[in-house]
Amino acid sequence: QVQLVESGGGSVQAGGSLRLSCLASGRAFSSYVMGWFRQAPGKEREFVASISFGGVTTYYADFVKGRFTISRDDAKNTVDLQMNSLKPEDTAVYYCNFVFRSSGGWRPLGGDSASWGQGTQVFVSS
């Protein structure tokens, strides 16, 4: 059973930083690509970043490139998201998951039936 526990969210002013962390279980963590998504109020969940097994390759949504950095620790089954130069439009609930890249973009394993954690709230004030 997949379990995902996100933490590290909070309230910051624009220009500030936060570091999110996700503890994942239920799959052989080191063998999977991991990713972060976010969902702002009234909007659909969107892809933010992904990292390959071993941390060799990373992908970022255009709107976070140069500001966010994804990393993983396979010994601890964790994937982190360092968020710098935060903007009010980064306000959202952030989620991690096991991911794959489809023709339609990055998706969680399981697609529409994917399990999700509770997420962690990030609020950026102007």
Foldseek 3Di string as FASTA:
>chain_A
DKAKDKDWADEEAAQAKIKMKIAIDDDLLLQFKKFKWWDDPPGDIGGAKIAHRVRPDMDGDPVQPPFKDWDDDSVRRMIMIIGGRDDQVVWTFMWMAGWDQDPVGIAHVVHPHDDTYPGHTHGYHD
